[in-house]
Amino acid sequence: MRLTSIADLQCPSSRSRSPVDGDYRSYFEAAVARLHGERRYRVFADIERISGRFPTAKWRQPDGKTAEIT
């Protein structure tokens, strides 16, 4: 077999299994939207553990204020 281009080095089956043809942004936006719809998209709280005071932590609220939580 003689190689004529770099494309010849790719596995033929990998070309057919591509989830999208270069439009990755819309593909992943749709995937994340599906997770939101299924309520499986996790958002983690922005907390800061306080050394020596487990389980107390500081929660940084979106408006910049902090609150102690347990």
PDB file of N, CA and C in Angstrom:
ATOM      1  N   MET A   1       0.841  -1.172   0.000  1.00  0.00           N
ATOM      2  CA  MET A   1       0.000   0.000   0.000  1.00  0.00           C
ATOM      3  C   MET A   1       0.890   1.241   0.000  1.00  0.00           C
ATOM      4  N   ARG A   2       0.600   2.158  -0.873  1.00  0.00           N
ATOM      5  CA  ARG A   2       1.390   3.378  -0.974  1.00  0.00           C
ATOM      6  C   ARG A   2       0.608   4.546  -0.380  1.00  0.00           C
ATOM      7  N   LEU A   3       1.257   5.302   0.511  1.00  0.00           N
ATOM      8  CA  LEU A   3       0.614   6.460   1.124  1.00  0.00           C
ATOM      9  C   LEU A   3       0.719   7.657   0.192  1.00  0.00           C
ATOM     10  N   THR A   4      -0.410   8.331  -0.005  1.00  0.00           N
ATOM     11  CA  THR A   4      -0.409   9.505  -0.878  1.00  0.00           C
ATOM     12  C   THR A   4      -0.643  10.800  -0.116  1.00  0.00           C
ATOM     13  N   SER A   5      -1.179  10.708   1.088  1.00  0.00           N
ATOM     14  CA  SER A   5      -1.403  11.919   1.888  1.00  0.00           C
ATOM     15  C   SER A   5      -1.430  11.552   3.364  1.00  0.00           C
ATOM     16  N   ILE A   6      -1.427  12.581   4.211  1.00  0.00           N
ATOM     17  CA  ILE A   6      -1.487  12.356   5.661  1.00  0.00           C
ATOM     18  C   ILE A   6      -2.809  11.700   6.058  1.00  0.00           C
ATOM     19  N   ALA A   7      -3.869  11.929   5.289  1.00  0.00           N
ATOM     20  CA  ALA A   7      -5.170  11.319   5.578  1.00  0.00           C
ATOM     21  C   ALA A   7      -5.099   9.803   5.502  1.00  0.00           C
ATOM     22  N   ASP A   8      -4.161   9.278   4.721  1.00  0.00           N
ATOM     23  CA  ASP A   8      -4.005   7.833   4.609  1.00  0.00           C
ATOM     24  C   ASP A   8      -3.519   7.209   5.918  1.00  0.00           C
ATOM     25  N   LEU A   9      -2.951   7.992   6.802  1.00  0.00           N
ATOM     26  CA  LEU A   9      -2.439   7.477   8.070  1.00  0.00           C
ATOM     27  C   LEU A   9      -3.530   7.319   9.121  1.00  0.00           C
ATOM     28  N   GLN A  10      -4.704   7.897   8.893  1.00  0.00           N
ATOM     29  CA  GLN A  10      -5.790   7.805   9.865  1.00  0.00           C
ATOM     30  C   GLN A  10      -6.534   6.488   9.709  1.00  0.00           C
ATOM     31  N   CYS A  11      -7.058   6.022  10.818  1.00  0.00           N
ATOM     32  CA  CYS A  11      -7.874   4.821  10.808  1.00  0.00           C
ATOM     33  C   CYS A  11      -9.172   5.124  10.048  1.00  0.00           C
ATOM     34  N   PRO A  12      -9.544   4.331   9.059  1.00  0.00           N
ATOM     35  CA  PRO A  12     -10.751   4.618   8.278  1.00  0.00           C
ATOM     36  C   PRO A  12     -12.017   4.660   9.126  1.00  0.00           C
ATOM     37  N   SER A  13     -12.099   3.829  10.159  1.00  0.00           N
ATOM     38  CA  SER A  13     -13.319   3.818  10.967  1.00  0.00           C
ATOM     39  C   SER A  13     -13.428   5.048  11.856  1.00  0.00           C
ATOM     40  N   SER A  14     -12.308   5.707  12.172  1.00  0.00           N
ATOM     41  CA  SER A  14     -12.381   6.891  13.027  1.00  0.00           C
ATOM     42  C   SER A  14     -13.061   8.051  12.313  1.00  0.00           C
ATOM     43  N   ARG A  15     -12.962   8.106  11.000  1.00  0.00           N
ATOM     44  CA  ARG A  15     -13.622   9.173  10.242  1.00  0.00           C
ATOM     45  C   ARG A  15     -15.133   9.042  10.322  1.00  0.00           C
ATOM     46  N   SER A  16     -15.650   7.831  10.313  1.00  0.00           N
ATOM     47  CA  SER A  16     -17.097   7.639  10.311  1.00  0.00           C
ATOM     48  C   SER A  16     -17.700   7.761  11.707  1.00  0.00           C
ATOM     49  N   ARG A  17     -16.879   7.692  12.760  1.00  0.00           N
ATOM     50  CA  ARG A  17     -17.405   7.759  14.122  1.00  0.00           C
ATOM     51  C   ARG A  17     -17.358   9.156  14.716  1.00  0.00           C
ATOM     52  N   SER A  18     -16.936  10.146  13.982  1.00  0.00           N
ATOM     53  CA  SER A  18     -16.842  11.507  14.500  1.00  0.00           C
ATOM     54  C   SER A  18     -18.234  12.013  14.863  1.00  0.00           C
ATOM     55  N   PRO A  19     -18.433  12.508  16.110  1.00  0.00           N
ATOM     56  CA  PRO A  19     -19.761  12.965  16.530  1.00  0.00           C
ATOM     57  C   PRO A  19     -20.209  14.217  15.789  1.00  0.00           C
ATOM     58  N   VAL A  20     -19.272  15.011  15.342  1.00  0.00           N
ATOM     59  CA  VAL A  20     -19.596  16.248  14.628  1.00  0.00           C
ATOM     60  C   VAL A  20     -18.521  16.502  13.584  1.00  0.00           C
ATOM     61  N   ASP A  21     -18.838  17.318  12.634  1.00  0.00           N
ATOM     62  CA  ASP A  21     -17.855  17.666  11.609  1.00  0.00           C
ATOM     63  C   ASP A  21     -17.315  19.059  11.860  1.00  0.00           C
ATOM     64  N   GLY A  22     -16.522  19.223  12.914  1.00  0.00           N
ATOM     65  CA  GLY A  22     -15.869  20.490  13.195  1.00  0.00           C
ATOM     66  C   GLY A  22     -16.674  21.473  14.016  1.00  0.00           C
ATOM     67  N   ASP A  23     -17.963  21.250  14.222  1.00  0.00           N
ATOM     68  CA  ASP A  23     -18.784  22.184  14.988  1.00  0.00           C
ATOM     69  C   ASP A  23     -18.890  21.687  16.431  1.00  0.00           C
ATOM     70  N   TYR A  24     -17.760  21.672  17.112  1.00  0.00           N
ATOM     71  CA  TYR A  24     -17.707  21.131  18.465  1.00  0.00           C
ATOM     72  C   TYR A  24     -18.497  21.977  19.455  1.00  0.00           C
ATOM     73  N   ARG A  25     -18.469  23.304  19.291  1.00  0.00           N
ATOM     74  CA  ARG A  25     -19.156  24.184  20.235  1.00  0.00           C
ATOM     75  C   ARG A  25     -20.647  23.843  20.324  1.00  0.00           C
ATOM     76  N   SER A  26     -21.329  23.755  19.206  1.00  0.00           N
ATOM     77  CA  SER A  26     -22.765  23.468  19.257  1.00  0.00           C
ATOM     78  C   SER A  26     -23.025  22.043  19.738  1.00  0.00           C
ATOM     79  N   TYR A  27     -22.132  21.104  19.393  1.00  0.00           N
ATOM     80  CA  TYR A  27     -22.291  19.731  19.865  1.00  0.00           C
ATOM     81  C   TYR A  27     -22.246  19.673  21.390  1.00  0.00           C
ATOM     82  N   PHE A  28     -21.235  20.324  22.001  1.00  0.00           N
ATOM     83  CA  PHE A  28     -21.102  20.272  23.453  1.00  0.00           C
ATOM     84  C   PHE A  28     -22.131  21.146  24.155  1.00  0.00           C
ATOM     85  N   GLU A  29     -22.547  22.249  23.542  1.00  0.00           N
ATOM     86  CA  GLU A  29     -23.627  23.053  24.125  1.00  0.00           C
ATOM     87  C   GLU A  29     -24.910  22.236  24.192  1.00  0.00           C
ATOM     88  N   ALA A  30     -25.193  21.467  23.148  1.00  0.00           N
ATOM     89  CA  ALA A  30     -26.377  20.605  23.144  1.00  0.00           C
ATOM     90  C   ALA A  30     -26.249  19.503  24.194  1.00  0.00           C
ATOM     91  N   ALA A  31     -25.047  18.938  24.339  1.00  0.00           N
ATOM     92  CA  ALA A  31     -24.834  17.884  25.339  1.00  0.00           C
ATOM     93  C   ALA A  31     -25.040  18.425  26.751  1.00  0.00           C
ATOM     94  N   VAL A  32     -24.527  19.623  27.030  1.00  0.00           N
ATOM     95  CA  VAL A  32     -24.700  20.233  28.353  1.00  0.00           C
ATOM     96  C   VAL A  32     -26.166  20.589  28.569  1.00  0.00           C
ATOM     97  N   ALA A  33     -26.850  21.063  27.535  1.00  0.00           N
ATOM     98  CA  ALA A  33     -28.280  21.381  27.652  1.00  0.00           C
ATOM     99  C   ALA A  33     -29.085  20.129  27.990  1.00  0.00           C
ATOM    100  N   ARG A  34     -28.704  18.976  27.398  1.00  0.00           N
ATOM    101  CA  ARG A  34     -29.388  17.720  27.741  1.00  0.00           C
ATOM    102  C   ARG A  34     -29.172  17.374  29.210  1.00  0.00           C
ATOM    103  N   LEU A  35     -27.946  17.554  29.714  1.00  0.00           N
ATOM    104  CA  LEU A  35     -27.670  17.276  31.126  1.00  0.00           C
ATOM    105  C   LEU A  35     -28.490  18.194  32.026  1.00  0.00           C
ATOM    106  N   HIS A  36     -28.589  19.476  31.659  1.00  0.00           N
ATOM    107  CA  HIS A  36     -29.421  20.401  32.436  1.00  0.00           C
ATOM    108  C   HIS A  36     -30.867  19.920  32.440  1.00  0.00           C
ATOM    109  N   GLY A  37     -31.369  19.506  31.278  1.00  0.00           N
ATOM    110  CA  GLY A  37     -32.747  19.034  31.157  1.00  0.00           C
ATOM    111  C   GLY A  37     -33.015  17.800  32.000  1.00  0.00           C
ATOM    112  N   GLU A  38     -32.016  16.951  32.150  1.00  0.00           N
ATOM    113  CA  GLU A  38     -32.135  15.739  32.967  1.00  0.00           C
ATOM    114  C   GLU A  38     -31.798  16.004  34.431  1.00  0.00           C
ATOM    115  N   ARG A  39     -31.446  17.236  34.739  1.00  0.00           N
ATOM    116  CA  ARG A  39     -31.048  17.652  36.086  1.00  0.00           C
ATOM    117  C   ARG A  39     -29.837  16.855  36.579  1.00  0.00           C
ATOM    118  N   ARG A  40     -28.915  16.550  35.659  1.00  0.00           N
ATOM    119  CA  ARG A  40     -27.694  15.823  36.011  1.00  0.00           C
ATOM    120  C   ARG A  40     -26.458  16.699  35.916  1.00  0.00           C
ATOM    121  N   TYR A  41     -26.612  17.980  35.588  1.00  0.00           N
ATOM    122  CA  TYR A  41     -25.478  18.896  35.484  1.00  0.00           C
ATOM    123  C   TYR A  41     -25.161  19.412  36.875  1.00  0.00           C
ATOM    124  N   ARG A  42     -23.962  19.171  37.346  1.00  0.00           N
ATOM    125  CA  ARG A  42     -23.604  19.538  38.717  1.00  0.00           C
ATOM    126  C   ARG A  42     -22.890  20.873  38.754  1.00  0.00           C
ATOM    127  N   VAL A  43     -23.294  21.699  39.703  1.00  0.00           N
ATOM    128  CA  VAL A  43     -22.637  22.978  39.952  1.00  0.00           C
ATOM    129  C   VAL A  43     -22.167  22.934  41.399  1.00  0.00           C
ATOM    130  N   PHE A  44     -20.893  23.168  41.610  1.00  0.00           N
ATOM    131  CA  PHE A  44     -20.328  23.075  42.943  1.00  0.00           C
ATOM    132  C   PHE A  44     -20.291  24.444  43.604  1.00  0.00           C
ATOM    133  N   ALA A  45     -20.584  24.467  44.899  1.00  0.00           N
ATOM    134  CA  ALA A  45     -20.538  25.708  45.664  1.00  0.00           C
ATOM    135  C   ALA A  45     -19.087  26.150  45.832  1.00  0.00           C
ATOM    136  N   ASP A  46     -18.877  27.446  45.799  1.00  0.00           N
ATOM    137  CA  ASP A  46     -17.539  28.013  45.973  1.00  0.00           C
ATOM    138  C   ASP A  46     -17.301  28.183  47.471  1.00  0.00           C
ATOM    139  N   ILE A  47     -16.744  27.135  48.104  1.00  0.00           N
ATOM    140  CA  ILE A  47     -16.532  27.181  49.552  1.00  0.00           C
ATOM    141  C   ILE A  47     -15.050  27.113  49.887  1.00  0.00           C
ATOM    142  N   GLU A  48     -14.741  27.588  51.075  1.00  0.00           N
ATOM    143  CA  GLU A  48     -13.360  27.615  51.564  1.00  0.00           C
ATOM    144  C   GLU A  48     -13.361  26.977  52.950  1.00  0.00           C
ATOM    145  N   ARG A  49     -12.724  25.832  53.079  1.00  0.00           N
ATOM    146  CA  ARG A  49     -12.670  25.144  54.375  1.00  0.00           C
ATOM    147  C   ARG A  49     -11.865  25.970  55.369  1.00  0.00           C
ATOM    148  N   ILE A  50     -12.304  25.956  56.629  1.00  0.00           N
ATOM    149  CA  ILE A  50     -11.608  26.676  57.696  1.00  0.00           C
ATOM    150  C   ILE A  50     -10.804  25.652  58.486  1.00  0.00           C
ATOM    151  N   SER A  51      -9.497  25.775  58.470  1.00  0.00           N
ATOM    152  CA  SER A  51      -8.604  24.825  59.119  1.00  0.00           C
ATOM    153  C   SER A  51      -8.914  24.706  60.608  1.00  0.00           C
ATOM    154  N   GLY A  52      -9.065  23.470  61.078  1.00  0.00           N
ATOM    155  CA  GLY A  52      -9.301  23.203  62.489  1.00  0.00           C
ATOM    156  C   GLY A  52     -10.742  23.399  62.933  1.00  0.00           C
ATOM    157  N   ARG A  53     -11.634  23.761  62.017  1.00  0.00           N
ATOM    158  CA  ARG A  53     -13.032  23.998  62.394  1.00  0.00           C
ATOM    159  C   ARG A  53     -13.988  23.164  61.544  1.00  0.00           C
ATOM    160  N   PHE A  54     -13.595  21.937  61.212  1.00  0.00           N
ATOM    161  CA  PHE A  54     -14.450  21.052  60.419  1.00  0.00           C
ATOM    162  C   PHE A  54     -15.771  20.838  61.132  1.00  0.00           C
ATOM    163  N   PRO A  55     -16.889  20.863  60.498  1.00  0.00           N
ATOM    164  CA  PRO A  55     -17.161  21.003  59.066  1.00  0.00           C
ATOM    165  C   PRO A  55     -17.461  22.443  58.632  1.00  0.00           C
ATOM    166  N   THR A  56     -17.083  23.411  59.442  1.00  0.00           N
ATOM    167  CA  THR A  56     -17.360  24.804  59.107  1.00  0.00           C
ATOM    168  C   THR A  56     -16.553  25.244  57.887  1.00  0.00           C
ATOM    169  N   ALA A  57     -17.195  26.050  57.056  1.00  0.00           N
ATOM    170  CA  ALA A  57     -16.541  26.580  55.858  1.00  0.00           C
ATOM    171  C   ALA A  57     -17.111  27.960  55.558  1.00  0.00           C
ATOM    172  N   LYS A  58     -16.412  28.693  54.688  1.00  0.00           N
ATOM    173  CA  LYS A  58     -16.913  29.983  54.215  1.00  0.00           C
ATOM    174  C   LYS A  58     -17.472  29.783  52.815  1.00  0.00           C
ATOM    175  N   TRP A  59     -18.673  30.283  52.600  1.00  0.00           N
ATOM    176  CA  TRP A  59     -19.291  30.225  51.276  1.00  0.00           C
ATOM    177  C   TRP A  59     -19.176  31.587  50.630  1.00  0.00           C
ATOM    178  N   ARG A  60     -18.618  31.627  49.464  1.00  0.00           N
ATOM    179  CA  ARG A  60     -18.499  32.882  48.715  1.00  0.00           C
ATOM    180  C   ARG A  60     -19.720  33.008  47.813  1.00  0.00           C
ATOM    181  N   GLN A  61     -20.592  33.949  48.158  1.00  0.00           N
ATOM    182  CA  GLN A  61     -21.826  34.162  47.413  1.00  0.00           C
ATOM    183  C   GLN A  61     -21.531  34.879  46.094  1.00  0.00           C
ATOM    184  N   PRO A  62     -22.424  34.757  45.118  1.00  0.00           N
ATOM    185  CA  PRO A  62     -22.203  35.413  43.822  1.00  0.00           C
ATOM    186  C   PRO A  62     -22.011  36.927  43.922  1.00  0.00           C
ATOM    187  N   ASP A  63     -22.601  37.563  44.940  1.00  0.00           N
ATOM    188  CA  ASP A  63     -22.457  39.020  45.077  1.00  0.00           C
ATOM    189  C   ASP A  63     -21.169  39.417  45.796  1.00  0.00           C
ATOM    190  N   GLY A  64     -20.332  38.421  46.173  1.00  0.00           N
ATOM    191  CA  GLY A  64     -19.048  38.700  46.801  1.00  0.00           C
ATOM    192  C   GLY A  64     -19.048  38.585  48.313  1.00  0.00           C
ATOM    193  N   LYS A  65     -20.212  38.518  48.932  1.00  0.00           N
ATOM    194  CA  LYS A  65     -20.297  38.379  50.388  1.00  0.00           C
ATOM    195  C   LYS A  65     -19.899  36.959  50.782  1.00  0.00           C
ATOM    196  N   THR A  66     -19.475  36.804  52.050  1.00  0.00           N
ATOM    197  CA  THR A  66     -19.165  35.468  52.558  1.00  0.00           C
ATOM    198  C   THR A  66     -20.100  35.143  53.708  1.00  0.00           C
ATOM    199  N   ALA A  67     -20.366  33.865  53.885  1.00  0.00           N
ATOM    200  CA  ALA A  67     -21.206  33.397  54.982  1.00  0.00           C
ATOM    201  C   ALA A  67     -20.612  32.095  55.497  1.00  0.00           C
ATOM    202  N   GLU A  68     -20.635  31.909  56.822  1.00  0.00           N
ATOM    203  CA  GLU A  68     -20.174  30.639  57.392  1.00  0.00           C
ATOM    204  C   GLU A  68     -21.266  29.606  57.240  1.00  0.00           C
ATOM    205  N   ILE A  69     -20.863  28.424  56.800  1.00  0.00           N
ATOM    206  CA  ILE A  69     -21.801  27.321  56.622  1.00  0.00           C
ATOM    207  C   ILE A  69     -21.232  26.070  57.275  1.00  0.00           C
ATOM    208  N   THR A  70     -22.079  25.086  57.486  1.00  0.00           N
ATOM    209  CA  THR A  70     -21.619  23.785  57.988  1.00  0.00           C
ATOM    210  C   THR A  70     -22.133  22.695  57.084  1.00  0.00           C
TER     211      THR A  70
END
